[in-house]
Each structure stands twice: as structure tokens, then as C-alpha cells.
């Protein structure tokens, strides 16, 4: 497992004083990029070959969120490659080794010239050591959205949402969705199915519905086609338990 240590910064906090949910994803993205760069198959390598790993699915389970100045360890490892897909676990631990956030993710390798999935080459795969999956309850990758809900005010994709792949970064969809989670609720799990990419200047039309234990949020284009579908499961919690 690849790990790095960090300390939670003030700029990473939400209004409750704990690590903001989208920042958890930022830590995970940083960790996987650091690992790939250290193995010689990171962003620069992929860009030379006109390739990119694009996220297809997140499942993030939060036991608790760390607070300002708390030291943490962030870790990741791949556990399977299958054709054009790569499966990867992530975690955040406290300094006693307690796992406080766990995640499963599924990635698709894209040819950035054609926009089509391509099989991961042996040249890429051989750099990684596969490990056993984390013990957690794994959810299916399909995220269903109820028919009854509310379309709320559209959101413009601005430059701050765009990453080096020139589309909206996967963590920014969570940033948008968190605006619809009441502040008296504490997020315990997020499941996200990524359907298509949003680009600079696109308008996103959020559709918000209630589900058992939380919210279903679909971020859609003007024709109703989803960029992402997500379930956000919550518990009452003005403060983090």
C-alpha cells in the first residue's frame, strides 16, 4: 500500500470545523497520483501516450471526519485490473492506525484522442502490486435515481472546476452536491456513478430526491442526461460523532 502523512489544514475544513467531504476525495486523488508518479506511470507518462484514468464509480464510507491540525495517514492500492478498468481502494487512518474513512473506486482508461476506453497495457499494469481488497461492504456500481424530486437552480461549470484532463474534476461534483445536504446532517456514505464528462461552460441542472437514509442527487445536462448520479447517506449530526 502506498501511504503519505498529512495534517488537516484550516483551508480544508467545512463550517463544522472538520475535514470537508470533497477534501476527502482530494486527498484520495492526490494519493493515487503520488503512487502512480512514484512508479513512473503517472500523469506525464499517460499524457505522452494520450491516455487518462477517468473515474467511473466512488463508494466512500466515513466513520468520522478528522479536525484541524489532526495528523492522518492516507493510503491507496489497486486490487484488480480488468480490460479497460482498474479497481482501487483508499483509506484514511488516524495515527493510532484506526481506519476513519474507507473507499472503493472503479476507473476507466480512456484514449484521450478518441474518447474511447482502451485496455490497460502490460507496461502499465506491471508497475503496480495488487493487494487484497479492504474489508468493507461493497455496493454495486449502478446508482438509481427516483422519478419524483426537484430540479434546483443550475450551476455553471467555471474554470475552477476544471482539471488537467480538461473536464470537471470528479471531486467538484461532490462540492456541488453538498450544497443540497442540510447542515444538521452528517454524511456517512457517498456512492457516485459517473456517466459522462462536464466541460468548461456547461450548465449543470441538479435534480434532488429523498431516499431511505439520505438523498439521491443527479447532476444533469439541459436535456436531462446525467453527468453523475449519487446517493448521499446521512445521520443527524450537528457535530461529528
Protein backbone atom coordinates (compact mmCIF):
# COMPACT_ATOMS: atom_id res chain seq x y z
CA UNK A 1 0.00 0.00 0.00
CA UNK A 2 1.18 3.47 -0.85
CA UNK A 3 0.76 5.96 2.04
CA UNK A 4 1.58 9.54 2.88
CA UNK A 5 1.15 11.52 6.08
CA UNK A 6 -0.54 14.88 6.35
CA UNK A 7 -2.08 17.27 8.85
CA UNK A 8 -5.56 18.70 8.39
CA UNK A 9 -5.35 22.37 7.45
CA UNK A 10 -7.78 25.18 8.19
CA UNK A 11 -8.37 25.67 4.45
CA UNK A 12 -9.67 22.08 4.25
CA UNK A 13 -12.38 22.48 6.90
CA UNK A 14 -16.12 22.87 6.43
CA UNK A 15 -18.37 25.06 8.55
CA UNK A 16 -18.44 22.45 11.33
CA UNK A 17 -14.66 22.56 11.68
CA UNK A 18 -13.95 19.11 10.23
CA UNK A 19 -12.34 17.94 7.00
CA UNK A 20 -14.84 18.84 4.27
CA UNK A 21 -16.26 15.87 2.39
CA UNK A 22 -14.95 16.98 -1.05
CA UNK A 23 -11.49 17.38 0.50
CA UNK A 24 -11.53 13.69 1.39
CA UNK A 25 -11.69 12.98 -2.34
CA UNK A 26 -8.89 15.49 -2.96
CA UNK A 27 -6.69 13.53 -0.56
CA UNK A 28 -7.55 10.29 -2.33
CA UNK A 29 -6.84 11.75 -5.77
CA UNK A 30 -3.52 13.14 -4.54
CA UNK A 31 -2.58 9.78 -3.05
CA UNK A 32 -3.25 7.77 -6.22
CA UNK A 33 -1.40 10.35 -8.32
CA UNK A 34 1.57 10.24 -5.96
CA UNK A 35 1.71 6.46 -6.17
CA UNK A 36 1.49 6.39 -9.96
CA UNK A 37 4.10 9.15 -10.30
CA UNK A 38 6.44 7.28 -7.96
CA UNK A 39 6.09 4.19 -10.17
CA UNK A 40 6.74 6.10 -13.41
CA UNK A 41 3.23 5.73 -14.81
CA UNK A 42 1.72 8.99 -13.59
CA UNK A 43 0.17 11.95 -15.35
CA UNK A 44 3.15 12.85 -17.54
CA UNK A 45 3.58 9.25 -18.70
CA UNK A 46 -0.12 8.96 -19.54
CA UNK A 47 -0.24 12.34 -21.31
CA UNK A 48 2.65 11.28 -23.57
CA UNK A 49 0.56 8.28 -24.61
CA UNK A 50 -2.68 10.33 -24.82
CA UNK A 51 -4.24 8.28 -22.03
CA UNK A 52 -6.06 9.13 -18.79
CA UNK A 53 -7.66 7.19 -15.96
CA UNK A 54 -11.21 8.57 -15.59
CA UNK A 55 -13.35 7.77 -12.58
CA UNK A 56 -16.44 5.61 -13.14
CA UNK A 57 -17.57 4.95 -9.56
CA UNK A 58 -16.89 6.01 -5.98
CA UNK A 59 -18.07 4.44 -2.75
CA UNK A 60 -16.82 6.37 0.26
CA UNK A 61 -17.65 5.28 3.82
CA UNK A 62 -16.94 7.80 6.58
CA UNK A 63 -16.60 6.64 10.20
CA UNK A 64 -15.59 10.10 11.32
CA UNK A 65 -14.00 13.18 9.81
CA UNK A 66 -10.70 14.50 11.20
CA UNK A 67 -10.42 18.01 12.58
CA UNK A 68 -7.97 20.88 12.25
CA UNK A 69 -4.31 20.01 12.93
CA UNK A 70 -5.08 16.31 13.31
CA UNK A 71 -2.34 14.19 11.71
CA UNK A 72 -3.57 11.45 9.37
CA UNK A 73 -2.24 8.79 7.02
CA UNK A 74 -3.76 8.49 3.55
CA UNK A 75 -3.32 5.23 1.65
CA UNK A 76 -4.24 3.53 -1.60
CA UNK A 77 -3.62 0.41 -3.65
CA UNK A 78 -5.09 -1.27 -6.74
CA UNK A 79 -6.67 -4.67 -6.24
CA UNK A 80 -7.70 -5.61 -9.78
CA UNK A 81 -7.28 -4.71 -13.44
CA UNK A 82 -9.90 -5.96 -15.89
CA UNK A 83 -9.69 -4.96 -19.56
CA UNK A 84 -10.02 -1.14 -19.60
CA UNK A 85 -10.95 -0.89 -15.90
CA UNK A 86 -8.85 -0.53 -12.77
CA UNK A 87 -10.18 -1.08 -9.25
CA UNK A 88 -8.60 0.73 -6.33
CA UNK A 89 -9.16 1.04 -2.57
CA UNK A 90 -8.40 4.11 -0.46
CA UNK A 91 -8.31 4.82 3.26
CA UNK A 92 -7.60 7.49 5.82
CA UNK A 93 -6.22 6.41 9.19
CA UNK A 94 -5.52 8.25 12.40
CA UNK A 95 -2.05 7.99 13.90
CA UNK A 96 -3.13 5.00 16.02
CA UNK A 97 -3.88 3.06 12.86
CA UNK A 98 -7.67 3.31 13.17
CA UNK A 99 -9.39 3.46 9.79
CA UNK A 100 -11.69 6.51 9.77
CA UNK A 101 -12.55 6.64 6.04
CA UNK A 102 -12.66 3.76 3.53
CA UNK A 103 -13.34 3.89 -0.18
CA UNK A 104 -13.74 1.73 -3.24
CA UNK A 105 -13.29 3.13 -6.73
CA UNK A 106 -13.54 1.97 -10.33
CA UNK A 107 -11.58 3.74 -13.05
CA UNK A 108 -11.71 3.58 -16.85
CA UNK A 109 -8.64 4.05 -19.03
CA UNK A 110 -9.50 6.40 -21.90
CA UNK A 111 -7.78 7.20 -25.15
CA UNK A 112 -7.95 10.98 -24.98
CA UNK A 113 -7.78 11.31 -28.77
CA UNK A 114 -10.86 9.16 -29.41
CA UNK A 115 -12.60 9.43 -26.04
CA UNK A 116 -12.99 5.63 -26.04
CA UNK A 117 -11.95 3.11 -23.37
CA UNK A 118 -8.78 1.16 -24.07
CA UNK A 119 -7.36 -1.93 -22.42
CA UNK A 120 -4.66 -1.27 -19.83
CA UNK A 121 -1.35 -2.43 -21.24
CA UNK A 122 1.02 -4.82 -19.51
CA UNK A 123 3.52 -1.95 -19.48
CA UNK A 124 1.16 -0.04 -17.15
CA UNK A 125 -0.09 -2.98 -15.05
CA UNK A 126 3.35 -4.43 -14.29
CA UNK A 127 4.30 -1.35 -12.27
CA UNK A 128 1.62 -1.99 -9.66
CA UNK A 129 1.42 -4.61 -6.92
CA UNK A 130 -2.14 -5.84 -6.44
CA UNK A 131 -3.34 -6.25 -2.85
CA UNK A 132 -6.33 -7.82 -1.12
CA UNK A 133 -9.48 -5.70 -1.09
CA UNK A 134 -10.25 -3.73 2.05
CA UNK A 135 -12.83 -5.33 4.34
CA UNK A 136 -15.94 -3.22 3.75
CA UNK A 137 -19.47 -3.74 2.45
CA UNK A 138 -19.12 -3.21 -1.29
CA UNK A 139 -22.02 -1.57 -3.14
CA UNK A 140 -22.97 -2.16 -6.76
CA UNK A 141 -21.73 0.45 -9.20
CA UNK A 142 -25.20 1.45 -10.50
CA UNK A 143 -26.87 4.34 -8.66
CA UNK A 144 -30.63 4.61 -9.21
CA UNK A 145 -32.43 7.96 -9.06
CA UNK A 146 -36.13 8.19 -8.08
CA UNK A 147 -38.54 9.75 -10.55
CA UNK A 148 -40.00 12.17 -8.01
CA UNK A 149 -37.77 15.02 -6.97
CA UNK A 150 -36.95 18.66 -7.57
CA UNK A 151 -34.83 20.39 -10.20
CA UNK A 152 -32.98 23.24 -8.49
CA UNK A 153 -31.03 26.25 -9.76
CA UNK A 154 -28.49 25.39 -12.49
CA UNK A 155 -24.76 25.56 -11.78
CA UNK A 156 -22.23 26.85 -14.33
CA UNK A 157 -19.01 24.87 -14.83
CA UNK A 158 -16.34 27.52 -14.29
CA UNK A 159 -12.58 27.29 -14.68
CA UNK A 160 -12.03 26.41 -11.01
CA UNK A 161 -13.87 23.11 -11.62
CA UNK A 162 -11.60 22.00 -14.49
CA UNK A 163 -8.60 19.68 -14.03
CA UNK A 164 -5.63 18.68 -16.19
CA UNK A 165 -7.84 16.34 -18.25
CA UNK A 166 -9.76 19.48 -19.31
CA UNK A 167 -13.06 18.36 -17.83
CA UNK A 168 -14.78 18.85 -14.48
CA UNK A 169 -12.80 17.19 -11.72
CA UNK A 170 -14.62 14.32 -10.03
CA UNK A 171 -14.41 15.93 -6.57
CA UNK A 172 -16.16 19.07 -7.82
CA UNK A 173 -19.39 17.15 -8.45
CA UNK A 174 -19.39 16.38 -4.72
CA UNK A 175 -18.74 20.06 -3.98
CA UNK A 176 -21.87 20.93 -5.97
CA UNK A 177 -23.97 18.16 -4.39
CA UNK A 178 -23.02 19.07 -0.83
CA UNK A 179 -24.91 22.35 -1.25
CA UNK A 180 -28.15 20.33 -1.05
CA UNK A 181 -27.27 18.38 2.12
CA UNK A 182 -28.77 20.16 5.15
CA UNK A 183 -26.07 21.25 7.59
CA UNK A 184 -27.73 19.41 10.51
CA UNK A 185 -26.98 16.11 8.77
CA UNK A 186 -23.63 14.34 8.80
CA UNK A 187 -22.55 12.39 5.72
CA UNK A 188 -21.74 8.76 6.39
CA UNK A 189 -21.51 7.31 2.88
CA UNK A 190 -21.43 8.51 -0.71
CA UNK A 191 -21.94 6.40 -3.82
CA UNK A 192 -21.34 8.07 -7.18
CA UNK A 193 -21.80 6.72 -10.68
CA UNK A 194 -20.05 8.90 -13.26
CA UNK A 195 -21.94 8.85 -16.56
CA UNK A 196 -20.29 11.48 -18.77
CA UNK A 197 -17.93 14.42 -18.54
CA UNK A 198 -18.86 18.05 -17.98
CA UNK A 199 -16.71 20.73 -19.60
CA UNK A 200 -15.98 24.42 -19.12
CA UNK A 201 -19.09 26.50 -19.74
CA UNK A 202 -21.58 23.64 -19.37
CA UNK A 203 -24.66 24.19 -17.24
CA UNK A 204 -25.43 21.53 -14.64
CA UNK A 205 -29.05 21.01 -13.62
CA UNK A 206 -29.21 19.35 -10.19
CA UNK A 207 -32.13 17.00 -9.50
CA UNK A 208 -32.60 16.26 -5.80
CA UNK A 209 -34.80 13.50 -4.34
CA UNK A 210 -35.24 11.78 -0.99
CA UNK A 211 -34.25 8.15 -0.47
CA UNK A 212 -34.22 6.00 2.63
CA UNK A 213 -31.38 7.23 4.79
CA UNK A 214 -30.43 10.21 2.70
CA UNK A 215 -30.58 11.96 -0.65
CA UNK A 216 -30.34 10.99 -4.30
CA UNK A 217 -28.77 13.71 -6.43
CA UNK A 218 -28.44 13.63 -10.19
CA UNK A 219 -26.36 16.34 -11.84
CA UNK A 220 -27.68 16.60 -15.40
CA UNK A 221 -27.29 18.47 -18.67
CA UNK A 222 -30.03 20.64 -20.13
CA UNK A 223 -31.61 17.60 -21.83
CA UNK A 224 -31.84 15.65 -18.61
CA UNK A 225 -28.89 13.34 -19.29
CA UNK A 226 -26.85 12.74 -16.13
CA UNK A 227 -23.23 13.69 -15.69
CA UNK A 228 -23.29 11.86 -12.35
CA UNK A 229 -25.82 10.07 -10.18
CA UNK A 230 -25.16 9.85 -6.47
CA UNK A 231 -26.59 8.64 -3.20
CA UNK A 232 -25.57 10.53 -0.08
CA UNK A 233 -26.43 8.69 3.15
CA UNK A 234 -26.63 10.77 6.30
CA UNK A 235 -27.34 10.72 10.01
CA UNK A 236 -28.44 13.57 12.28
CA UNK A 237 -25.34 15.32 13.50
CA UNK A 238 -24.80 19.00 14.13
CA UNK A 239 -21.42 17.77 15.29
CA UNK A 240 -19.38 14.85 14.06
CA UNK A 241 -19.87 11.76 16.22
